[in-house]
Amino acid sequence: MPLGLPVRQAGTPHKHPTMANTYTQIHIQTVFAVQGRQCLIKDQWKNELYKYITAIIQNHGHKVLQINGMPDHIHILFGMRPTQSLSDLMKQVKQGSSKWINGKGYVNGKFSWQSGFGAFSYSKTEVPHVINYIKNQEHHHKAITFQDEYLQLLKEFNIEFDERYILKSVN
């Protein structure tokens, strides 16, 4: 278990209790990039990062179904509980993981994530396909750039966006 995160013991309540008679099935894929889309996530420590991010999400009462990415971005598919806003969760994930990466000294200078994120919802029947898609990021990105992938997701989900704020690249 990553250091610095409280571990929830089996049988203990979540920090965010659910409301009685509230039943949900919410599957969200989030996508976010390293500041400037720099390729800073290295193979030597990416799995440790994914475990750390998974722990942050689980400690907020949600369930990670798949996490993977590339040196410049991450995809996470998780089952979300209606106990917290998505924006708040992503803020916790990005702040916590940035602090962890910086504390480990894994990059020269200061690591940070680009502001914002993409979030896409899926039905239960789509979940296996999305898990497979995320697992195979390395193979997938041999054929499509991250920017094209991200724009494709935004268009597929009919999400309006401003080109000025989409994935600022390294200058």
N, C-alpha and C. Protein backbone atom coordinates (compact mmCIF):
# COMPACT_ATOMS: atom_id res chain seq x y z
N MET A 1 0.86 -1.18 0.00
CA MET A 1 0.00 0.00 0.00
C MET A 1 0.90 1.24 0.00
N PRO A 2 0.61 2.22 -0.83
CA PRO A 2 1.44 3.42 -0.89
C PRO A 2 1.51 4.14 0.46
N LEU A 3 2.64 4.71 0.74
CA LEU A 3 2.83 5.44 1.98
C LEU A 3 2.04 6.74 1.97
N GLY A 4 1.62 7.15 3.14
CA GLY A 4 0.97 8.45 3.27
C GLY A 4 -0.53 8.43 3.08
N LEU A 5 -1.10 7.28 2.72
CA LEU A 5 -2.55 7.21 2.57
C LEU A 5 -3.13 6.34 3.66
N PRO A 6 -4.22 6.77 4.28
CA PRO A 6 -4.83 5.93 5.31
C PRO A 6 -5.40 4.66 4.67
N VAL A 7 -5.25 3.56 5.36
CA VAL A 7 -5.77 2.28 4.87
C VAL A 7 -7.09 2.01 5.57
N ARG A 8 -8.12 1.71 4.79
CA ARG A 8 -9.43 1.39 5.35
C ARG A 8 -9.45 -0.09 5.66
N GLN A 9 -9.69 -0.44 6.91
CA GLN A 9 -9.75 -1.83 7.32
C GLN A 9 -11.07 -2.45 6.87
N ALA A 10 -11.04 -3.74 6.58
CA ALA A 10 -12.26 -4.45 6.18
C ALA A 10 -13.31 -4.29 7.27
N GLY A 11 -14.51 -4.01 6.87
CA GLY A 11 -15.61 -3.88 7.81
C GLY A 11 -15.77 -2.51 8.42
N THR A 12 -14.85 -1.59 8.13
CA THR A 12 -14.98 -0.23 8.66
C THR A 12 -15.71 0.63 7.64
N PRO A 13 -16.44 1.62 8.10
CA PRO A 13 -17.19 2.46 7.15
C PRO A 13 -16.27 3.35 6.32
N HIS A 14 -16.73 3.70 5.11
CA HIS A 14 -16.02 4.65 4.27
C HIS A 14 -16.05 6.02 4.92
N LYS A 15 -15.11 6.87 4.53
CA LYS A 15 -15.11 8.25 5.00
C LYS A 15 -16.38 8.97 4.56
N HIS A 16 -16.92 8.54 3.42
CA HIS A 16 -18.09 9.18 2.84
C HIS A 16 -19.23 8.17 2.82
N PRO A 17 -20.04 8.10 3.88
CA PRO A 17 -21.11 7.11 3.89
C PRO A 17 -22.14 7.39 2.80
N THR A 18 -22.72 6.32 2.25
CA THR A 18 -23.75 6.49 1.24
C THR A 18 -25.09 6.72 1.92
N MET A 19 -25.98 7.32 1.19
CA MET A 19 -27.32 7.58 1.70
C MET A 19 -28.13 6.30 1.66
N ALA A 20 -28.97 6.08 2.64
CA ALA A 20 -29.84 4.90 2.66
C ALA A 20 -30.71 4.90 1.41
N ASN A 21 -30.94 3.70 0.88
CA ASN A 21 -31.80 3.53 -0.30
C ASN A 21 -31.27 4.25 -1.54
N THR A 22 -29.95 4.42 -1.64
CA THR A 22 -29.33 5.00 -2.82
C THR A 22 -28.56 3.90 -3.52
N TYR A 23 -28.96 3.61 -4.75
CA TYR A 23 -28.34 2.54 -5.52
C TYR A 23 -27.90 3.12 -6.86
N THR A 24 -26.64 2.96 -7.20
CA THR A 24 -26.13 3.56 -8.43
C THR A 24 -25.22 2.59 -9.17
N GLN A 25 -25.06 2.86 -10.43
CA GLN A 25 -24.08 2.17 -11.27
C GLN A 25 -23.52 3.24 -12.21
N ILE A 26 -22.42 3.83 -11.80
CA ILE A 26 -21.82 4.94 -12.55
C ILE A 26 -20.39 4.54 -12.91
N HIS A 27 -20.14 4.39 -14.20
CA HIS A 27 -18.81 4.04 -14.68
C HIS A 27 -18.23 5.24 -15.43
N ILE A 28 -17.10 5.73 -14.96
CA ILE A 28 -16.47 6.93 -15.52
C ILE A 28 -15.05 6.61 -15.97
N GLN A 29 -14.70 7.08 -17.17
CA GLN A 29 -13.30 7.06 -17.61
C GLN A 29 -12.81 8.50 -17.55
N THR A 30 -11.74 8.71 -16.82
CA THR A 30 -11.12 10.04 -16.82
C THR A 30 -9.79 9.95 -17.55
N VAL A 31 -9.44 11.06 -18.18
CA VAL A 31 -8.20 11.17 -18.94
C VAL A 31 -7.57 12.51 -18.58
N PHE A 32 -6.30 12.50 -18.22
CA PHE A 32 -5.62 13.76 -17.95
C PHE A 32 -4.15 13.63 -18.31
N ALA A 33 -3.54 14.79 -18.59
CA ALA A 33 -2.19 14.82 -19.13
C ALA A 33 -1.20 15.49 -18.19
N VAL A 34 0.05 15.11 -18.37
CA VAL A 34 1.16 15.77 -17.69
C VAL A 34 1.23 17.21 -18.21
N GLN A 35 1.57 18.14 -17.33
CA GLN A 35 1.72 19.55 -17.71
C GLN A 35 2.59 19.66 -18.96
N GLY A 36 2.09 20.37 -19.96
CA GLY A 36 2.83 20.55 -21.20
C GLY A 36 2.93 19.29 -22.04
N ARG A 37 2.19 18.27 -21.65
CA ARG A 37 2.23 16.96 -22.32
C ARG A 37 3.65 16.40 -22.42
N GLN A 38 4.44 16.71 -21.42
CA GLN A 38 5.80 16.19 -21.38
C GLN A 38 5.75 14.69 -21.05
N CYS A 39 6.66 13.93 -21.61
CA CYS A 39 6.72 12.48 -21.38
C CYS A 39 7.55 12.21 -20.13
N LEU A 40 6.93 12.40 -18.96
CA LEU A 40 7.65 12.30 -17.69
C LEU A 40 7.35 11.02 -16.92
N ILE A 41 6.27 10.33 -17.24
CA ILE A 41 5.92 9.11 -16.51
C ILE A 41 6.76 7.97 -17.07
N LYS A 42 7.67 7.48 -16.26
CA LYS A 42 8.65 6.47 -16.71
C LYS A 42 8.20 5.06 -16.35
N ASP A 43 8.59 4.11 -17.21
CA ASP A 43 8.25 2.70 -16.99
C ASP A 43 8.70 2.20 -15.62
N GLN A 44 9.84 2.70 -15.13
CA GLN A 44 10.41 2.23 -13.87
C GLN A 44 9.48 2.48 -12.68
N TRP A 45 8.64 3.50 -12.73
CA TRP A 45 7.80 3.84 -11.58
C TRP A 45 6.32 4.02 -11.90
N LYS A 46 5.91 3.80 -13.14
CA LYS A 46 4.50 4.04 -13.49
C LYS A 46 3.54 3.11 -12.73
N ASN A 47 3.92 1.84 -12.53
CA ASN A 47 3.01 0.93 -11.81
C ASN A 47 2.84 1.35 -10.36
N GLU A 48 3.90 1.86 -9.76
CA GLU A 48 3.82 2.38 -8.39
C GLU A 48 2.89 3.60 -8.35
N LEU A 49 2.99 4.46 -9.38
CA LEU A 49 2.09 5.62 -9.50
C LEU A 49 0.64 5.15 -9.63
N TYR A 50 0.41 4.17 -10.48
CA TYR A 50 -0.96 3.68 -10.68
C TYR A 50 -1.53 3.11 -9.39
N LYS A 51 -0.71 2.42 -8.61
CA LYS A 51 -1.16 1.88 -7.32
C LYS A 51 -1.49 3.02 -6.36
N TYR A 52 -0.68 4.06 -6.39
CA TYR A 52 -0.91 5.20 -5.51
C TYR A 52 -2.22 5.90 -5.87
N ILE A 53 -2.44 6.13 -7.17
CA ILE A 53 -3.68 6.77 -7.62
C ILE A 53 -4.88 5.88 -7.29
N THR A 54 -4.73 4.57 -7.49
CA THR A 54 -5.81 3.63 -7.15
C THR A 54 -6.17 3.75 -5.68
N ALA A 55 -5.17 3.84 -4.81
CA ALA A 55 -5.41 3.97 -3.38
C ALA A 55 -6.15 5.26 -3.05
N ILE A 56 -5.80 6.35 -3.71
CA ILE A 56 -6.50 7.62 -3.47
C ILE A 56 -7.98 7.45 -3.81
N ILE A 57 -8.26 6.88 -4.97
CA ILE A 57 -9.65 6.71 -5.42
C ILE A 57 -10.40 5.77 -4.48
N GLN A 58 -9.78 4.66 -4.11
CA GLN A 58 -10.44 3.70 -3.22
C GLN A 58 -10.67 4.28 -1.84
N ASN A 59 -9.75 5.10 -1.37
CA ASN A 59 -9.92 5.72 -0.05
C ASN A 59 -11.04 6.74 -0.02
N HIS A 60 -11.54 7.12 -1.20
CA HIS A 60 -12.71 7.99 -1.29
C HIS A 60 -13.97 7.18 -1.56
N GLY A 61 -13.87 5.85 -1.48
CA GLY A 61 -15.04 4.99 -1.59
C GLY A 61 -15.42 4.57 -3.00
N HIS A 62 -14.57 4.83 -3.99
CA HIS A 62 -14.85 4.46 -5.37
C HIS A 62 -14.04 3.20 -5.72
N LYS A 63 -14.33 2.58 -6.86
CA LYS A 63 -13.67 1.33 -7.24
C LYS A 63 -12.98 1.47 -8.59
N VAL A 64 -11.66 1.34 -8.59
CA VAL A 64 -10.89 1.40 -9.84
C VAL A 64 -11.06 0.08 -10.58
N LEU A 65 -11.45 0.18 -11.84
CA LEU A 65 -11.61 -1.00 -12.69
C LEU A 65 -10.40 -1.20 -13.61
N GLN A 66 -9.78 -0.09 -14.04
CA GLN A 66 -8.58 -0.18 -14.88
C GLN A 66 -7.87 1.16 -14.86
N ILE A 67 -6.55 1.11 -14.84
CA ILE A 67 -5.73 2.31 -14.94
C ILE A 67 -4.52 1.98 -15.80
N ASN A 68 -4.18 2.87 -16.69
CA ASN A 68 -3.01 2.72 -17.54
C ASN A 68 -2.80 4.04 -18.28
N GLY A 69 -1.71 4.13 -18.97
CA GLY A 69 -1.47 5.36 -19.71
C GLY A 69 -0.20 5.28 -20.51
N MET A 70 0.28 6.44 -20.83
CA MET A 70 1.49 6.62 -21.61
C MET A 70 2.39 7.58 -20.82
N PRO A 71 3.59 7.84 -21.30
CA PRO A 71 4.47 8.74 -20.56
C PRO A 71 3.91 10.15 -20.37
N ASP A 72 2.91 10.55 -21.18
CA ASP A 72 2.39 11.92 -21.07
C ASP A 72 0.94 12.01 -20.60
N HIS A 73 0.25 10.87 -20.35
CA HIS A 73 -1.14 10.94 -19.89
C HIS A 73 -1.59 9.63 -19.25
N ILE A 74 -2.73 9.72 -18.56
CA ILE A 74 -3.29 8.57 -17.85
C ILE A 74 -4.78 8.45 -18.16
N HIS A 75 -5.24 7.19 -18.25
CA HIS A 75 -6.67 6.86 -18.34
C HIS A 75 -7.03 6.08 -17.08
N ILE A 76 -8.17 6.40 -16.47
CA ILE A 76 -8.65 5.64 -15.32
C ILE A 76 -10.13 5.35 -15.55
N LEU A 77 -10.52 4.08 -15.43
CA LEU A 77 -11.93 3.70 -15.45
C LEU A 77 -12.28 3.26 -14.05
N PHE A 78 -13.33 3.85 -13.49
CA PHE A 78 -13.71 3.49 -12.13
C PHE A 78 -15.22 3.56 -11.95
N GLY A 79 -15.67 2.79 -10.97
CA GLY A 79 -17.06 2.86 -10.53
C GLY A 79 -17.14 3.96 -9.50
N MET A 80 -17.98 4.94 -9.74
CA MET A 80 -18.06 6.11 -8.87
C MET A 80 -19.26 6.05 -7.96
N ARG A 81 -19.04 6.31 -6.72
CA ARG A 81 -20.12 6.42 -5.73
C ARG A 81 -20.60 7.88 -5.72
N PRO A 82 -21.88 8.10 -5.45
CA PRO A 82 -22.40 9.47 -5.46
C PRO A 82 -22.16 10.20 -4.14
N THR A 83 -20.98 10.01 -3.58
CA THR A 83 -20.65 10.60 -2.29
C THR A 83 -19.75 11.81 -2.40
N GLN A 84 -19.31 12.13 -3.62
CA GLN A 84 -18.39 13.23 -3.82
C GLN A 84 -18.50 13.65 -5.28
N SER A 85 -18.16 14.88 -5.55
CA SER A 85 -18.20 15.33 -6.94
C SER A 85 -16.99 14.79 -7.70
N LEU A 86 -17.16 14.61 -8.99
CA LEU A 86 -16.07 14.15 -9.84
C LEU A 86 -14.92 15.15 -9.81
N SER A 87 -15.24 16.43 -9.86
CA SER A 87 -14.19 17.46 -9.82
C SER A 87 -13.37 17.38 -8.54
N ASP A 88 -14.03 17.16 -7.42
CA ASP A 88 -13.32 17.05 -6.15
C ASP A 88 -12.42 15.81 -6.15
N LEU A 89 -12.93 14.69 -6.64
CA LEU A 89 -12.12 13.48 -6.70
C LEU A 89 -10.89 13.68 -7.57
N MET A 90 -11.08 14.28 -8.74
CA MET A 90 -9.95 14.48 -9.65
C MET A 90 -8.93 15.45 -9.05
N LYS A 91 -9.41 16.44 -8.33
CA LYS A 91 -8.50 17.36 -7.65
C LYS A 91 -7.65 16.58 -6.64
N GLN A 92 -8.28 15.67 -5.88
CA GLN A 92 -7.55 14.87 -4.90
C GLN A 92 -6.52 13.95 -5.59
N VAL A 93 -6.95 13.33 -6.70
CA VAL A 93 -6.06 12.42 -7.44
C VAL A 93 -4.86 13.18 -7.99
N LYS A 94 -5.11 14.31 -8.64
CA LYS A 94 -4.02 15.03 -9.27
C LYS A 94 -3.09 15.70 -8.25
N GLN A 95 -3.66 16.30 -7.21
CA GLN A 95 -2.82 16.92 -6.19
C GLN A 95 -2.01 15.87 -5.43
N GLY A 96 -2.69 14.80 -5.03
CA GLY A 96 -2.01 13.75 -4.26
C GLY A 96 -0.91 13.08 -5.05
N SER A 97 -1.19 12.75 -6.31
CA SER A 97 -0.18 12.06 -7.11
C SER A 97 0.98 12.99 -7.48
N SER A 98 0.71 14.26 -7.73
CA SER A 98 1.79 15.22 -8.00
C SER A 98 2.71 15.34 -6.79
N LYS A 99 2.10 15.46 -5.63
CA LYS A 99 2.89 15.57 -4.39
C LYS A 99 3.73 14.31 -4.18
N TRP A 100 3.13 13.16 -4.46
CA TRP A 100 3.83 11.89 -4.31
C TRP A 100 5.02 11.80 -5.28
N ILE A 101 4.80 12.13 -6.56
CA ILE A 101 5.87 12.09 -7.56
C ILE A 101 7.00 13.04 -7.17
N ASN A 102 6.64 14.26 -6.76
CA ASN A 102 7.66 15.23 -6.35
C ASN A 102 8.40 14.77 -5.11
N GLY A 103 7.66 14.17 -4.16
CA GLY A 103 8.29 13.67 -2.94
C GLY A 103 9.27 12.54 -3.20
N LYS A 104 9.00 11.75 -4.22
CA LYS A 104 9.89 10.64 -4.59
C LYS A 104 11.08 11.12 -5.42
N GLY A 105 11.00 12.33 -5.95
CA GLY A 105 12.08 12.87 -6.77
C GLY A 105 12.23 12.17 -8.11
N TYR A 106 11.11 11.71 -8.65
CA TYR A 106 11.14 10.96 -9.91
C TYR A 106 11.41 11.82 -11.15
N VAL A 107 11.22 13.12 -11.05
CA VAL A 107 11.47 13.98 -12.21
C VAL A 107 12.39 15.13 -11.81
N ASN A 108 13.11 15.64 -12.79
CA ASN A 108 13.93 16.83 -12.55
C ASN A 108 12.98 18.02 -12.54
N GLY A 109 13.09 18.87 -11.57
CA GLY A 109 12.17 20.00 -11.46
C GLY A 109 10.89 19.57 -10.78
N LYS A 110 9.84 20.36 -10.98
CA LYS A 110 8.57 20.10 -10.31
C LYS A 110 7.58 19.44 -11.27
N PHE A 111 7.00 18.31 -10.85
CA PHE A 111 5.99 17.61 -11.64
C PHE A 111 4.63 18.21 -11.36
N SER A 112 3.82 18.37 -12.41
CA SER A 112 2.42 18.74 -12.22
C SER A 112 1.61 18.22 -13.40
N TRP A 113 0.32 18.08 -13.15
CA TRP A 113 -0.62 17.68 -14.20
C TRP A 113 -1.16 18.93 -14.87
N GLN A 114 -1.50 18.82 -16.14
CA GLN A 114 -2.15 19.91 -16.86
C GLN A 114 -3.51 20.17 -16.20
N SER A 115 -3.97 21.41 -16.19
CA SER A 115 -5.26 21.70 -15.57
C SER A 115 -6.37 21.02 -16.36
N GLY A 116 -7.42 20.67 -15.66
CA GLY A 116 -8.58 20.05 -16.29
C GLY A 116 -8.40 18.56 -16.52
N PHE A 117 -9.45 17.95 -17.05
CA PHE A 117 -9.46 16.52 -17.34
C PHE A 117 -10.65 16.24 -18.25
N GLY A 118 -10.63 15.09 -18.88
CA GLY A 118 -11.78 14.61 -19.63
C GLY A 118 -12.46 13.54 -18.81
N ALA A 119 -13.78 13.47 -18.87
CA ALA A 119 -14.53 12.43 -18.16
C ALA A 119 -15.65 11.95 -19.06
N PHE A 120 -15.76 10.63 -19.15
CA PHE A 120 -16.71 10.02 -20.07
C PHE A 120 -17.42 8.89 -19.34
N SER A 121 -18.74 8.82 -19.47
CA SER A 121 -19.52 7.79 -18.76
C SER A 121 -19.88 6.65 -19.69
N TYR A 122 -19.99 5.45 -19.10
CA TYR A 122 -20.25 4.24 -19.87
C TYR A 122 -21.29 3.37 -19.18
N SER A 123 -22.03 2.63 -19.99
CA SER A 123 -22.97 1.65 -19.45
C SER A 123 -22.20 0.39 -19.05
N LYS A 124 -22.82 -0.44 -18.25
CA LYS A 124 -22.17 -1.67 -17.79
C LYS A 124 -21.73 -2.55 -18.96
N THR A 125 -22.50 -2.58 -20.02
CA THR A 125 -22.15 -3.43 -21.16
C THR A 125 -20.91 -2.92 -21.90
N GLU A 126 -20.60 -1.64 -21.77
CA GLU A 126 -19.43 -1.06 -22.43
C GLU A 126 -18.14 -1.23 -21.61
N VAL A 127 -18.27 -1.53 -20.33
CA VAL A 127 -17.12 -1.58 -19.42
C VAL A 127 -16.02 -2.54 -19.89
N PRO A 128 -16.31 -3.78 -20.31
CA PRO A 128 -15.22 -4.66 -20.76
C PRO A 128 -14.44 -4.08 -21.93
N HIS A 129 -15.12 -3.44 -22.86
CA HIS A 129 -14.44 -2.82 -24.01
C HIS A 129 -13.52 -1.69 -23.54
N VAL A 130 -14.00 -0.87 -22.61
CA VAL A 130 -13.20 0.25 -22.11
C VAL A 130 -11.99 -0.26 -21.33
N ILE A 131 -12.19 -1.31 -20.53
CA ILE A 131 -11.06 -1.91 -19.80
C ILE A 131 -10.00 -2.37 -20.79
N ASN A 132 -10.41 -3.07 -21.82
CA ASN A 132 -9.47 -3.56 -22.84
C ASN A 132 -8.76 -2.40 -23.53
N TYR A 133 -9.51 -1.35 -23.86
CA TYR A 133 -8.95 -0.16 -24.50
C TYR A 133 -7.85 0.46 -23.62
N ILE A 134 -8.13 0.60 -22.33
CA ILE A 134 -7.16 1.21 -21.42
C ILE A 134 -5.95 0.30 -21.22
N LYS A 135 -6.18 -1.00 -21.09
CA LYS A 135 -5.07 -1.96 -20.93
C LYS A 135 -4.09 -1.87 -22.10
N ASN A 136 -4.61 -1.62 -23.28
CA ASN A 136 -3.80 -1.66 -24.50
C ASN A 136 -3.38 -0.29 -25.00
N GLN A 137 -3.13 0.64 -24.10
CA GLN A 137 -2.74 1.99 -24.49
C GLN A 137 -1.48 2.02 -25.35
N GLU A 138 -0.47 1.25 -24.97
CA GLU A 138 0.79 1.26 -25.71
C GLU A 138 0.55 0.86 -27.17
N HIS A 139 -0.20 -0.21 -27.37
CA HIS A 139 -0.51 -0.66 -28.73
C HIS A 139 -1.36 0.37 -29.47
N HIS A 140 -2.36 0.89 -28.79
CA HIS A 140 -3.29 1.86 -29.38
C HIS A 140 -2.55 3.11 -29.88
N HIS A 141 -1.58 3.57 -29.09
CA HIS A 141 -0.90 4.82 -29.45
C HIS A 141 0.19 4.64 -30.51
N LYS A 142 0.35 3.44 -31.01
CA LYS A 142 1.21 3.26 -32.18
C LYS A 142 0.49 3.76 -33.43
N ALA A 143 -0.85 3.81 -33.36
CA ALA A 143 -1.66 4.19 -34.52
C ALA A 143 -2.29 5.57 -34.41
N ILE A 144 -2.38 6.13 -33.20
CA ILE A 144 -3.06 7.41 -33.01
C ILE A 144 -2.35 8.22 -31.93
N THR A 145 -2.22 9.52 -32.14
CA THR A 145 -1.59 10.37 -31.13
C THR A 145 -2.56 10.60 -29.98
N PHE A 146 -2.01 11.01 -28.84
CA PHE A 146 -2.86 11.31 -27.69
C PHE A 146 -3.83 12.44 -28.03
N GLN A 147 -3.34 13.47 -28.70
CA GLN A 147 -4.22 14.59 -29.03
C GLN A 147 -5.38 14.12 -29.92
N ASP A 148 -5.10 13.31 -30.92
CA ASP A 148 -6.17 12.79 -31.79
C ASP A 148 -7.12 11.88 -31.01
N GLU A 149 -6.58 11.07 -30.11
CA GLU A 149 -7.40 10.19 -29.27
C GLU A 149 -8.36 11.03 -28.42
N TYR A 150 -7.83 12.06 -27.80
CA TYR A 150 -8.62 12.90 -26.90
C TYR A 150 -9.71 13.64 -27.67
N LEU A 151 -9.35 14.21 -28.81
CA LEU A 151 -10.34 14.90 -29.65
C LEU A 151 -11.41 13.93 -30.13
N GLN A 152 -11.01 12.71 -30.45
CA GLN A 152 -11.97 11.69 -30.88
C GLN A 152 -12.96 11.38 -29.76
N LEU A 153 -12.49 11.26 -28.53
CA LEU A 153 -13.39 11.02 -27.39
C LEU A 153 -14.36 12.19 -27.21
N LEU A 154 -13.84 13.41 -27.25
CA LEU A 154 -14.70 14.58 -27.08
C LEU A 154 -15.79 14.62 -28.16
N LYS A 155 -15.41 14.33 -29.38
CA LYS A 155 -16.38 14.35 -30.49
C LYS A 155 -17.36 13.20 -30.39
N GLU A 156 -16.87 12.01 -30.05
CA GLU A 156 -17.73 10.83 -29.91
C GLU A 156 -18.81 11.04 -28.85
N PHE A 157 -18.47 11.77 -27.78
CA PHE A 157 -19.41 12.03 -26.71
C PHE A 157 -20.14 13.37 -26.88
N ASN A 158 -19.97 14.00 -28.03
CA ASN A 158 -20.62 15.29 -28.34
C ASN A 158 -20.36 16.34 -27.26
N ILE A 159 -19.10 16.43 -26.83
CA ILE A 159 -18.72 17.40 -25.82
C ILE A 159 -18.16 18.63 -26.52
N GLU A 160 -18.78 19.77 -26.24
CA GLU A 160 -18.28 21.02 -26.82
C GLU A 160 -16.97 21.38 -26.14
N PHE A 161 -16.02 21.90 -26.91
CA PHE A 161 -14.73 22.27 -26.35
C PHE A 161 -14.17 23.46 -27.10
N ASP A 162 -13.24 24.13 -26.44
CA ASP A 162 -12.55 25.28 -27.01
C ASP A 162 -11.14 24.83 -27.38
N GLU A 163 -10.81 24.87 -28.66
CA GLU A 163 -9.51 24.42 -29.16
C GLU A 163 -8.33 25.07 -28.41
N ARG A 164 -8.55 26.30 -27.91
CA ARG A 164 -7.45 27.00 -27.22
C ARG A 164 -7.02 26.30 -25.95
N TYR A 165 -7.91 25.47 -25.37
CA TYR A 165 -7.61 24.87 -24.09
C TYR A 165 -7.40 23.36 -24.17
N ILE A 166 -7.32 22.83 -25.37
CA ILE A 166 -7.16 21.39 -25.52
C ILE A 166 -5.69 21.04 -25.55
N LEU A 167 -5.27 20.29 -24.56
CA LEU A 167 -3.96 19.65 -24.54
C LEU A 167 -2.82 20.51 -25.04
N LYS A 168 -2.50 21.50 -24.27
CA LYS A 168 -1.38 22.35 -24.63
C LYS A 168 -0.12 21.50 -24.70
N SER A 169 0.56 21.57 -25.83
CA SER A 169 1.73 20.71 -26.02
C SER A 169 3.01 21.45 -25.63
N VAL A 170 4.07 20.67 -25.62
CA VAL A 170 5.39 21.20 -25.30
C VAL A 170 5.78 22.18 -26.39
N ASN A 171 6.26 23.36 -26.00
CA ASN A 171 6.66 24.37 -26.98
C ASN A 171 8.12 24.25 -27.33
